[in-house]
Amino acid sequence: MTETAVQAAATAARSLGLTVADPTVLYEAFSTVVHLQPSPVVARVPMNLPGDLQQEPGRQQRELDVVTWLVDQGVPVVPPSPLVPLKPAEQDGLTMTFWTYVEVDKAAEPDYIAATARVPELHARLASYPGELSWMSPLRLIGSGLATAEAVPGLFEQDDLDRARAEWKVLEPILTSRSGFEAVFPSATVQPLHGDAPSWNLITTVDGPLWADFEDVSVGPLEWDLAGFGPDLCHAYDEGARARGLPTLDSRVQQVMDLARALQVLVCTPLVPQFPGLADGIRMFAAQWREMPFAAGLS
């Protein structure tokens, strides 16, 4: 499948007037990321998304729109490539977006505490985004994923599946609409979010750190961007927020978001045969989830 993505990206790029002689894969997970050498352009081709996200209309265009707006606001982000039209391209049944190639500082060690302390600043900038965004789009795959899921011994046991389905019955009316969420958490800070663990998506380049991968940009509570991070990183976020006079995290909302993130990860279990590297992450989240109170104490 990687070769399919590489060939599609190269063909689409050439049709848009780019020179592509040596396409090189930079990263593989839910997307294949390809440097279209010698052009200073990177293609990101979603390949392994669960069905509901793979088919979500407008997902890639929303990301391009939000990141373009952030560039205009002076926020340090990896920008879309100015060498091609600002819209997704389609080739051989795949859609892709094109981004400016940035050189990663390979000598830099990840500092997730420092990165998390910067997330409040990103949230402050995103809060004024004027465009329309969907509510908590990453969670749309949980219901359908659980409905069709099967137990996988050693990874996602039948008892796990039974609990997850029962839990989702409690959480679904709270998490799948803004009105349902705000009825339970009326004082939560709800706004545009990065949507996918921004502390892990702050790239250290030779020219400084840049935010990246806004594929799951959506509206939701601040705590979703910290889901699954643990108390130390949540503390780092709160310290960064206080220093800037910004809202801090609500521990009760965070508990629910941590649970939602665990369920989001667990429903990716069917992807393990085609992407074995997911298994370790699923086991880690499953172990944490089993220690959480049922439905985060909302039942």
C-alpha atoms as a PDB file:
ATOM      1  CA  MET A   1       0.000   0.000   0.000  1.00  0.00           C
ATOM      2  CA  THR A   2       2.937   2.337   0.621  1.00  0.00           C
ATOM      3  CA  GLU A   3       4.079   1.991  -2.968  1.00  0.00           C
ATOM      4  CA  THR A   4       0.552   2.758  -4.154  1.00  0.00           C
ATOM      5  CA  ALA A   5       0.553   5.981  -2.110  1.00  0.00           C
ATOM      6  CA  VAL A   6       4.002   6.996  -3.347  1.00  0.00           C
ATOM      7  CA  GLN A   7       3.095   6.458  -6.985  1.00  0.00           C
ATOM      8  CA  ALA A   8      -0.218   8.289  -6.623  1.00  0.00           C
ATOM      9  CA  ALA A   9       1.474  11.257  -4.925  1.00  0.00           C
ATOM     10  CA  ALA A  10       4.204  11.447  -7.576  1.00  0.00           C
ATOM     11  CA  THR A  11       1.718  11.235 -10.438  1.00  0.00           C
ATOM     12  CA  ALA A  12      -0.573  13.863  -8.944  1.00  0.00           C
ATOM     13  CA  ALA A  13       2.360  16.182  -8.238  1.00  0.00           C
ATOM     14  CA  ARG A  14       3.685  15.897 -11.780  1.00  0.00           C
ATOM     15  CA  SER A  15       0.229  16.650 -13.160  1.00  0.00           C
ATOM     16  CA  LEU A  16       0.319  19.870 -11.113  1.00  0.00           C
ATOM     17  CA  GLY A  17       3.625  20.891 -12.638  1.00  0.00           C
ATOM     18  CA  LEU A  18       6.057  19.728  -9.966  1.00  0.00           C
ATOM     19  CA  THR A  19       9.300  17.969 -10.776  1.00  0.00           C
ATOM     20  CA  VAL A  20       9.428  14.587  -9.031  1.00  0.00           C
ATOM     21  CA  ALA A  21      12.473  12.383  -9.582  1.00  0.00           C
ATOM     22  CA  ASP A  22      13.026  10.660  -6.267  1.00  0.00           C
ATOM     23  CA  PRO A  23       9.920  10.401  -4.059  1.00  0.00           C
ATOM     24  CA  THR A  24      11.029   9.404  -0.559  1.00  0.00           C
ATOM     25  CA  VAL A  25       8.811   8.144   2.255  1.00  0.00           C
ATOM     26  CA  LEU A  26       9.332  10.189   5.421  1.00  0.00           C
ATOM     27  CA  TYR A  27       6.698   8.592   7.631  1.00  0.00           C
ATOM     28  CA  GLU A  28       4.044   5.880   7.608  1.00  0.00           C
ATOM     29  CA  ALA A  29       1.084   5.434   9.937  1.00  0.00           C
ATOM     30  CA  PHE A  30      -2.484   6.455   9.203  1.00  0.00           C
ATOM     31  CA  SER A  31      -1.003   8.463   6.341  1.00  0.00           C
ATOM     32  CA  THR A  32       1.934   7.951   4.032  1.00  0.00           C
ATOM     33  CA  VAL A  33       4.092  11.094   3.973  1.00  0.00           C
ATOM     34  CA  VAL A  34       6.264  11.492   0.875  1.00  0.00           C
ATOM     35  CA  HIS A  35       8.984  14.041   0.090  1.00  0.00           C
ATOM     36  CA  LEU A  36       8.609  14.681  -3.629  1.00  0.00           C
ATOM     37  CA  GLN A  37      12.305  15.300  -4.313  1.00  0.00           C
ATOM     38  CA  PRO A  38      13.756  17.450  -5.708  1.00  0.00           C
ATOM     39  CA  SER A  39      10.679  19.656  -5.255  1.00  0.00           C
ATOM     40  CA  PRO A  40      10.448  21.242  -1.783  1.00  0.00           C
ATOM     41  CA  VAL A  41       7.055  19.621  -1.319  1.00  0.00           C
ATOM     42  CA  VAL A  42       5.693  16.851   0.909  1.00  0.00           C
ATOM     43  CA  ALA A  43       2.536  14.914   0.073  1.00  0.00           C
ATOM     44  CA  ARG A  44       0.412  13.402   2.812  1.00  0.00           C
ATOM     45  CA  VAL A  45      -1.792  10.549   1.632  1.00  0.00           C
ATOM     46  CA  PRO A  46      -4.299   9.093   4.137  1.00  0.00           C
ATOM     47  CA  MET A  47      -4.141   5.317   3.750  1.00  0.00           C
ATOM     48  CA  ASN A  48      -5.116   3.464   6.909  1.00  0.00           C
ATOM     49  CA  LEU A  49      -7.943   5.516   8.382  1.00  0.00           C
ATOM     50  CA  PRO A  50     -10.985   3.785   9.860  1.00  0.00           C
ATOM     51  CA  GLY A  51     -13.917   4.047   7.462  1.00  0.00           C
ATOM     52  CA  ASP A  52     -15.853   6.911   9.038  1.00  0.00           C
ATOM     53  CA  LEU A  53     -12.830   9.213   8.944  1.00  0.00           C
ATOM     54  CA  GLN A  54     -11.672   8.033   5.531  1.00  0.00           C
ATOM     55  CA  GLN A  55     -15.010   9.111   4.110  1.00  0.00           C
ATOM     56  CA  GLU A  56     -15.552  12.333   6.070  1.00  0.00           C
ATOM     57  CA  PRO A  57     -16.255  15.010   3.467  1.00  0.00           C
ATOM     58  CA  GLY A  58     -14.152  18.154   3.591  1.00  0.00           C
ATOM     59  CA  ARG A  59     -11.680  16.864   6.186  1.00  0.00           C
ATOM     60  CA  GLN A  60      -8.561  17.655   4.170  1.00  0.00           C
ATOM     61  CA  GLN A  61      -9.871  20.996   2.906  1.00  0.00           C
ATOM     62  CA  ARG A  62     -10.678  22.112   6.444  1.00  0.00           C
ATOM     63  CA  GLU A  63      -7.114  21.360   7.466  1.00  0.00           C
ATOM     64  CA  LEU A  64      -5.726  23.380   4.572  1.00  0.00           C
ATOM     65  CA  ASP A  65      -8.061  26.272   5.374  1.00  0.00           C
ATOM     66  CA  VAL A  66      -7.198  26.337   9.081  1.00  0.00           C
ATOM     67  CA  VAL A  67      -3.442  26.080   8.550  1.00  0.00           C
ATOM     68  CA  THR A  68      -3.506  28.788   5.872  1.00  0.00           C
ATOM     69  CA  TRP A  69      -5.327  31.050   8.328  1.00  0.00           C
ATOM     70  CA  LEU A  70      -2.783  30.249  11.043  1.00  0.00           C
ATOM     71  CA  VAL A  71       0.051  31.149   8.662  1.00  0.00           C
ATOM     72  CA  ASP A  72      -1.647  34.493   8.038  1.00  0.00           C
ATOM     73  CA  GLN A  73      -1.838  35.029  11.820  1.00  0.00           C
ATOM     74  CA  GLY A  74       1.892  34.459  12.184  1.00  0.00           C
ATOM     75  CA  VAL A  75       1.543  31.148  14.017  1.00  0.00           C
ATOM     76  CA  PRO A  76       4.547  28.832  13.508  1.00  0.00           C
ATOM     77  CA  VAL A  77       3.078  25.970  11.483  1.00  0.00           C
ATOM     78  CA  VAL A  78       4.175  23.783   8.601  1.00  0.00           C
ATOM     79  CA  PRO A  79       2.488  25.668   5.724  1.00  0.00           C
ATOM     80  CA  PRO A  80       0.697  24.232   2.724  1.00  0.00           C
ATOM     81  CA  SER A  81       2.838  24.291  -0.394  1.00  0.00           C
ATOM     82  CA  PRO A  82       2.434  27.521  -2.401  1.00  0.00           C
ATOM     83  CA  LEU A  83       3.480  25.629  -5.549  1.00  0.00           C
ATOM     84  CA  VAL A  84       0.137  23.853  -6.039  1.00  0.00           C
ATOM     85  CA  PRO A  85      -3.538  24.821  -5.653  1.00  0.00           C
ATOM     86  CA  LEU A  86      -4.774  25.054  -2.077  1.00  0.00           C
ATOM     87  CA  LYS A  87      -7.045  22.025  -2.245  1.00  0.00           C
ATOM     88  CA  PRO A  88      -6.767  18.242  -1.976  1.00  0.00           C
ATOM     89  CA  ALA A  89      -5.689  16.370  -5.098  1.00  0.00           C
ATOM     90  CA  GLU A  90      -7.082  13.021  -6.174  1.00  0.00           C
ATOM     91  CA  GLN A  91      -5.188  10.275  -7.965  1.00  0.00           C
ATOM     92  CA  ASP A  92      -5.928   6.573  -8.402  1.00  0.00           C
ATOM     93  CA  GLY A  93      -8.738   6.683  -5.858  1.00  0.00           C
ATOM     94  CA  LEU A  94      -6.601   8.392  -3.208  1.00  0.00           C
ATOM     95  CA  THR A  95      -6.777  11.982  -2.011  1.00  0.00           C
ATOM     96  CA  MET A  96      -3.782  13.924  -0.743  1.00  0.00           C
ATOM     97  CA  THR A  97      -2.601  17.321   0.404  1.00  0.00           C
ATOM     98  CA  PHE A  98       0.707  19.055  -0.331  1.00  0.00           C
ATOM     99  CA  TRP A  99       2.903  20.802   2.233  1.00  0.00           C
ATOM    100  CA  THR A 100       6.127  22.779   2.278  1.00  0.00           C
ATOM    101  CA  TYR A 101       9.107  20.556   3.027  1.00  0.00           C
ATOM    102  CA  VAL A 102      10.832  21.513   6.282  1.00  0.00           C
ATOM    103  CA  GLU A 103      14.174  20.176   7.485  1.00  0.00           C
ATOM    104  CA  VAL A 104      13.879  18.409  10.822  1.00  0.00           C
ATOM    105  CA  ASP A 105      16.586  19.037  13.408  1.00  0.00           C
ATOM    106  CA  LYS A 106      17.683  15.439  13.872  1.00  0.00           C
ATOM    107  CA  ALA A 107      19.924  16.324  16.809  1.00  0.00           C
ATOM    108  CA  ALA A 108      17.037  17.685  18.888  1.00  0.00           C
ATOM    109  CA  GLU A 109      15.615  15.496  21.653  1.00  0.00           C
ATOM    110  CA  PRO A 110      11.813  15.516  22.066  1.00  0.00           C
ATOM    111  CA  ASP A 111      10.718  17.651  25.026  1.00  0.00           C
ATOM    112  CA  TYR A 112       7.046  16.914  25.521  1.00  0.00           C
ATOM    113  CA  ILE A 113       6.832  18.944  28.728  1.00  0.00           C
ATOM    114  CA  ALA A 114       8.013  22.082  26.921  1.00  0.00           C
ATOM    115  CA  ALA A 115       5.827  21.312  23.910  1.00  0.00           C
ATOM    116  CA  THR A 116       2.745  20.870  26.092  1.00  0.00           C
ATOM    117  CA  ALA A 117       3.433  24.151  27.879  1.00  0.00           C
ATOM    118  CA  ARG A 118       3.129  25.830  24.462  1.00  0.00           C
ATOM    119  CA  VAL A 119      -0.251  24.313  23.604  1.00  0.00           C
ATOM    120  CA  PRO A 120      -2.233  27.026  25.480  1.00  0.00           C
ATOM    121  CA  GLU A 121      -0.696  29.593  23.130  1.00  0.00           C
ATOM    122  CA  LEU A 122      -1.838  27.556  20.127  1.00  0.00           C
ATOM    123  CA  HIS A 123      -5.307  27.265  21.655  1.00  0.00           C
ATOM    124  CA  ALA A 124      -5.432  31.023  22.180  1.00  0.00           C
ATOM    125  CA  ARG A 125      -4.731  31.590  18.496  1.00  0.00           C
ATOM    126  CA  LEU A 126      -7.152  28.905  17.303  1.00  0.00           C
ATOM    127  CA  ALA A 127      -9.936  30.319  19.475  1.00  0.00           C
ATOM    128  CA  SER A 128     -10.556  33.164  17.022  1.00  0.00           C
ATOM    129  CA  TYR A 129     -10.635  30.992  13.882  1.00  0.00           C
ATOM    130  CA  PRO A 130     -13.616  32.338  11.908  1.00  0.00           C
ATOM    131  CA  GLY A 131     -14.378  29.289   9.769  1.00  0.00           C
ATOM    132  CA  GLU A 132     -16.882  26.498  10.339  1.00  0.00           C
ATOM    133  CA  LEU A 133     -15.625  23.320  11.997  1.00  0.00           C
ATOM    134  CA  SER A 134     -17.375  20.121  13.005  1.00  0.00           C
ATOM    135  CA  TRP A 135     -17.851  18.980  16.576  1.00  0.00           C
ATOM    136  CA  MET A 136     -15.239  16.489  17.849  1.00  0.00           C
ATOM    137  CA  SER A 137     -14.838  14.787  14.488  1.00  0.00           C
ATOM    138  CA  PRO A 138     -12.264  12.204  15.702  1.00  0.00           C
ATOM    139  CA  LEU A 139     -14.958  10.618  17.884  1.00  0.00           C
ATOM    140  CA  ARG A 140     -17.278   9.816  14.996  1.00  0.00           C
ATOM    141  CA  LEU A 141     -15.547   6.481  14.433  1.00  0.00           C
ATOM    142  CA  ILE A 142     -16.199   5.104  17.948  1.00  0.00           C
ATOM    143  CA  GLY A 143     -19.863   4.132  17.596  1.00  0.00           C
ATOM    144  CA  SER A 144     -19.561   2.415  14.232  1.00  0.00           C
ATOM    145  CA  GLY A 145     -16.217   0.894  15.212  1.00  0.00           C
ATOM    146  CA  LEU A 146     -17.634  -0.712  18.337  1.00  0.00           C
ATOM    147  CA  ALA A 147     -20.715  -1.930  16.490  1.00  0.00           C
ATOM    148  CA  THR A 148     -18.614  -4.018  14.087  1.00  0.00           C
ATOM    149  CA  ALA A 149     -15.641  -4.812  16.352  1.00  0.00           C
ATOM    150  CA  GLU A 150     -14.655  -8.358  17.264  1.00  0.00           C
ATOM    151  CA  ALA A 151     -12.601  -9.502  20.208  1.00  0.00           C
ATOM    152  CA  VAL A 152      -8.887 -10.106  19.588  1.00  0.00           C
ATOM    153  CA  PRO A 153      -7.361 -12.355  22.261  1.00  0.00           C
ATOM    154  CA  GLY A 154      -4.307 -10.817  23.863  1.00  0.00           C
ATOM    155  CA  LEU A 155      -5.229  -7.346  22.642  1.00  0.00           C
ATOM    156  CA  PHE A 156      -8.926  -6.487  22.949  1.00  0.00           C
ATOM    157  CA  GLU A 157     -10.700  -9.216  24.883  1.00  0.00           C
ATOM    158  CA  GLN A 158     -14.422  -9.989  24.783  1.00  0.00           C
ATOM    159  CA  ASP A 159     -14.850  -8.507  28.270  1.00  0.00           C
ATOM    160  CA  ASP A 160     -13.187  -5.350  26.983  1.00  0.00           C
ATOM    161  CA  LEU A 161     -15.531  -5.171  24.026  1.00  0.00           C
ATOM    162  CA  ASP A 162     -18.600  -5.699  26.211  1.00  0.00           C
ATOM    163  CA  ARG A 163     -17.504  -2.949  28.584  1.00  0.00           C
ATOM    164  CA  ALA A 164     -16.640  -0.541  25.746  1.00  0.00           C
ATOM    165  CA  ARG A 165     -20.071  -0.981  24.151  1.00  0.00           C
ATOM    166  CA  ALA A 166     -21.846  -0.452  27.457  1.00  0.00           C
ATOM    167  CA  GLU A 167     -19.681   2.557  28.169  1.00  0.00           C
ATOM    168  CA  TRP A 168     -20.381   4.139  24.806  1.00  0.00           C
ATOM    169  CA  LYS A 169     -24.122   3.938  25.449  1.00  0.00           C
ATOM    170  CA  VAL A 170     -23.542   6.265  28.387  1.00  0.00           C
ATOM    171  CA  LEU A 171     -21.028   8.519  26.672  1.00  0.00           C
ATOM    172  CA  GLU A 172     -22.509   8.816  23.186  1.00  0.00           C
ATOM    173  CA  PRO A 173     -25.202  11.410  23.981  1.00  0.00           C
ATOM    174  CA  ILE A 174     -22.600  13.479  25.841  1.00  0.00           C
ATOM    175  CA  LEU A 175     -19.748  13.321  23.361  1.00  0.00           C
ATOM    176  CA  THR A 176     -21.374  13.346  19.926  1.00  0.00           C
ATOM    177  CA  SER A 177     -22.964  16.805  20.054  1.00  0.00           C
ATOM    178  CA  ARG A 178     -21.993  20.143  21.481  1.00  0.00           C
ATOM    179  CA  SER A 179     -25.394  20.588  23.092  1.00  0.00           C
ATOM    180  CA  GLY A 180     -25.164  17.194  24.783  1.00  0.00           C
ATOM    181  CA  PHE A 181     -21.673  17.948  26.074  1.00  0.00           C
ATOM    182  CA  GLU A 182     -22.492  21.439  27.337  1.00  0.00           C
ATOM    183  CA  ALA A 183     -25.590  20.149  29.119  1.00  0.00           C
ATOM    184  CA  VAL A 184     -23.292  18.066  31.327  1.00  0.00           C
ATOM    185  CA  PHE A 185     -20.274  20.408  31.357  1.00  0.00           C
ATOM    186  CA  PRO A 186     -21.724  23.936  31.043  1.00  0.00           C
ATOM    187  CA  SER A 187     -18.569  25.668  32.287  1.00  0.00           C
ATOM    188  CA  ALA A 188     -16.109  23.856  29.984  1.00  0.00           C
ATOM    189  CA  THR A 189     -14.023  25.920  27.561  1.00  0.00           C
ATOM    190  CA  VAL A 190     -15.150  24.856  24.076  1.00  0.00           C
ATOM    191  CA  GLN A 191     -13.365  26.187  20.994  1.00  0.00           C
ATOM    192  CA  PRO A 192     -11.467  25.179  17.818  1.00  0.00           C
ATOM    193  CA  LEU A 193      -8.767  22.620  18.619  1.00  0.00           C
ATOM    194  CA  HIS A 194      -5.795  20.980  16.937  1.00  0.00           C
ATOM    195  CA  GLY A 195      -7.632  17.701  17.505  1.00  0.00           C
ATOM    196  CA  ASP A 196      -4.770  15.199  17.576  1.00  0.00           C
ATOM    197  CA  ALA A 197      -2.321  15.441  20.474  1.00  0.00           C
ATOM    198  CA  PRO A 198      -0.563  18.677  19.456  1.00  0.00           C
ATOM    199  CA  SER A 199       2.353  18.112  21.850  1.00  0.00           C
ATOM    200  CA  TRP A 200       3.330  15.141  19.683  1.00  0.00           C
ATOM    201  CA  ASN A 201       2.880  17.196  16.532  1.00  0.00           C
ATOM    202  CA  LEU A 202       5.277  20.033  17.283  1.00  0.00           C
ATOM    203  CA  ILE A 203       8.139  19.437  14.847  1.00  0.00           C
ATOM    204  CA  THR A 204      11.584  20.703  15.789  1.00  0.00           C
ATOM    205  CA  THR A 205      13.036  22.034  12.540  1.00  0.00           C
ATOM    206  CA  VAL A 206      16.403  23.661  11.906  1.00  0.00           C
ATOM    207  CA  ASP A 207      14.510  26.975  11.869  1.00  0.00           C
ATOM    208  CA  GLY A 208      12.568  26.362  15.074  1.00  0.00           C
ATOM    209  CA  PRO A 209       9.492  24.434  16.234  1.00  0.00           C
ATOM    210  CA  LEU A 210       6.464  24.238  13.942  1.00  0.00           C
ATOM    211  CA  TRP A 211       2.993  22.855  14.632  1.00  0.00           C
ATOM    212  CA  ALA A 212       1.868  20.213  12.144  1.00  0.00           C
ATOM    213  CA  ASP A 213      -0.822  17.665  11.284  1.00  0.00           C
ATOM    214  CA  PHE A 214      -4.118  19.474  11.799  1.00  0.00           C
ATOM    215  CA  GLU A 215      -6.081  16.668  10.101  1.00  0.00           C
ATOM    216  CA  ASP A 216      -8.458  16.346  13.065  1.00  0.00           C
ATOM    217  CA  VAL A 217      -9.040  20.064  13.597  1.00  0.00           C
ATOM    218  CA  SER A 218     -12.491  20.462  15.111  1.00  0.00           C
ATOM    219  CA  VAL A 219     -14.473  22.135  17.877  1.00  0.00           C
ATOM    220  CA  GLY A 220     -14.393  20.632  21.339  1.00  0.00           C
ATOM    221  CA  PRO A 221     -13.232  21.105  24.933  1.00  0.00           C
ATOM    222  CA  LEU A 222      -9.631  22.122  25.579  1.00  0.00           C
ATOM    223  CA  GLU A 223      -9.077  18.826  27.362  1.00  0.00           C
ATOM    224  CA  TRP A 224      -9.407  16.802  24.150  1.00  0.00           C
ATOM    225  CA  ASP A 225      -6.017  18.075  22.989  1.00  0.00           C
ATOM    226  CA  LEU A 226      -4.525  16.670  26.229  1.00  0.00           C
ATOM    227  CA  ALA A 227      -6.388  13.345  26.144  1.00  0.00           C
ATOM    228  CA  GLY A 228      -4.205  10.467  27.283  1.00  0.00           C
ATOM    229  CA  PHE A 229      -1.250  12.692  28.186  1.00  0.00           C
ATOM    230  CA  GLY A 230      -1.251  11.931  31.909  1.00  0.00           C
ATOM    231  CA  PRO A 231      -1.001  14.222  34.953  1.00  0.00           C
ATOM    232  CA  ASP A 232       2.534  15.527  34.377  1.00  0.00           C
ATOM    233  CA  LEU A 233       1.784  16.906  30.927  1.00  0.00           C
ATOM    234  CA  CYS A 234      -1.607  18.231  32.031  1.00  0.00           C
ATOM    235  CA  HIS A 235       0.236  20.094  34.794  1.00  0.00           C
ATOM    236  CA  ALA A 236       2.631  21.505  32.190  1.00  0.00           C
ATOM    237  CA  TYR A 237      -0.362  22.716  30.177  1.00  0.00           C
ATOM    238  CA  ASP A 238      -1.897  24.404  33.212  1.00  0.00           C
ATOM    239  CA  GLU A 239       1.388  26.106  34.071  1.00  0.00           C
ATOM    240  CA  GLY A 240       1.663  27.415  30.517  1.00  0.00           C
ATOM    241  CA  ALA A 241      -1.944  28.585  30.580  1.00  0.00           C
ATOM    242  CA  ARG A 242      -1.593  30.413  33.905  1.00  0.00           C
ATOM    243  CA  ALA A 243       1.539  32.158  32.686  1.00  0.00           C
ATOM    244  CA  ARG A 244      -0.492  33.539  29.765  1.00  0.00           C
ATOM    245  CA  GLY A 245      -3.683  34.248  31.705  1.00  0.00           C
ATOM    246  CA  LEU A 246      -5.554  31.552  29.780  1.00  0.00           C
ATOM    247  CA  PRO A 247      -8.092  28.920  30.891  1.00  0.00           C
ATOM    248  CA  THR A 248      -6.725  25.826  32.624  1.00  0.00           C
ATOM    249  CA  LEU A 249      -7.973  22.251  32.376  1.00  0.00           C
ATOM    250  CA  ASP A 250     -11.029  20.878  34.174  1.00  0.00           C
ATOM    251  CA  SER A 251     -10.095  17.575  35.816  1.00  0.00           C
ATOM    252  CA  ARG A 252     -13.571  16.076  35.413  1.00  0.00           C
ATOM    253  CA  VAL A 253     -13.698  16.919  31.706  1.00  0.00           C
ATOM    254  CA  GLN A 254     -10.146  15.598  31.333  1.00  0.00           C
ATOM    255  CA  GLN A 255     -11.202  12.267  32.788  1.00  0.00           C
ATOM    256  CA  VAL A 256     -13.938  11.950  30.176  1.00  0.00           C
ATOM    257  CA  MET A 257     -11.625  12.983  27.350  1.00  0.00           C
ATOM    258  CA  ASP A 258      -9.011  10.442  28.474  1.00  0.00           C
ATOM    259  CA  LEU A 259     -11.675   7.765  28.296  1.00  0.00           C
ATOM    260  CA  ALA A 260     -12.832   8.923  24.871  1.00  0.00           C
ATOM    261  CA  ARG A 261      -9.252   8.806  23.560  1.00  0.00           C
ATOM    262  CA  ALA A 262      -8.855   5.260  24.869  1.00  0.00           C
ATOM    263  CA  LEU A 263     -12.021   4.156  23.075  1.00  0.00           C
ATOM    264  CA  GLN A 264     -10.860   5.902  19.896  1.00  0.00           C
ATOM    265  CA  VAL A 265      -7.620   3.915  20.026  1.00  0.00           C
ATOM    266  CA  LEU A 266      -9.294   0.615  20.884  1.00  0.00           C
ATOM    267  CA  VAL A 267     -11.599   0.691  17.860  1.00  0.00           C
ATOM    268  CA  CYS A 268      -8.491   0.790  15.650  1.00  0.00           C
ATOM    269  CA  THR A 269      -7.759  -2.830  16.623  1.00  0.00           C
ATOM    270  CA  PRO A 270      -8.951  -4.197  13.233  1.00  0.00           C
ATOM    271  CA  LEU A 271      -6.137  -2.238  11.559  1.00  0.00           C
ATOM    272  CA  VAL A 272      -3.388  -4.157  13.366  1.00  0.00           C
ATOM    273  CA  PRO A 273      -2.955  -6.874  10.683  1.00  0.00           C
ATOM    274  CA  GLN A 274      -2.090  -4.223   8.078  1.00  0.00           C
ATOM    275  CA  PHE A 275      -0.251  -1.956  10.521  1.00  0.00           C
ATOM    276  CA  PRO A 276       1.321  -4.131  13.259  1.00  0.00           C
ATOM    277  CA  GLY A 277       2.974  -1.153  14.938  1.00  0.00           C
ATOM    278  CA  LEU A 278      -0.437  -0.156  16.327  1.00  0.00           C
ATOM    279  CA  ALA A 279      -0.545  -3.161  18.651  1.00  0.00           C
ATOM    280  CA  ASP A 280       1.775  -1.749  21.324  1.00  0.00           C
ATOM    281  CA  GLY A 281      -0.126   1.509  21.501  1.00  0.00           C
ATOM    282  CA  ILE A 282      -3.444  -0.311  21.747  1.00  0.00           C
ATOM    283  CA  ARG A 283      -2.133  -2.494  24.582  1.00  0.00           C
ATOM    284  CA  MET A 284      -0.894   0.593  26.441  1.00  0.00           C
ATOM    285  CA  PHE A 285      -4.195   2.446  26.117  1.00  0.00           C
ATOM    286  CA  ALA A 286      -6.160  -0.708  26.952  1.00  0.00           C
ATOM    287  CA  ALA A 287      -4.188  -1.190  30.172  1.00  0.00           C
ATOM    288  CA  GLN A 288      -4.816   2.425  31.212  1.00  0.00           C
ATOM    289  CA  TRP A 289      -8.471   2.218  30.240  1.00  0.00           C
ATOM    290  CA  ARG A 290      -9.099  -0.889  32.339  1.00  0.00           C
ATOM    291  CA  GLU A 291      -8.013   1.123  35.393  1.00  0.00           C
ATOM    292  CA  MET A 292     -10.438   3.976  34.658  1.00  0.00           C
ATOM    293  CA  PRO A 293     -13.848   4.149  36.337  1.00  0.00           C
ATOM    294  CA  PHE A 294     -16.675   2.936  34.123  1.00  0.00           C
ATOM    295  CA  ALA A 295     -17.887   5.779  31.872  1.00  0.00           C
ATOM    296  CA  ALA A 296     -15.610   8.131  33.818  1.00  0.00           C
ATOM    297  CA  GLY A 297     -18.109   8.104  36.694  1.00  0.00           C
ATOM    298  CA  LEU A 298     -20.953   9.498  34.563  1.00  0.00           C
ATOM    299  CA  SER A 299     -23.195   6.437  34.679  1.00  0.00           C
END
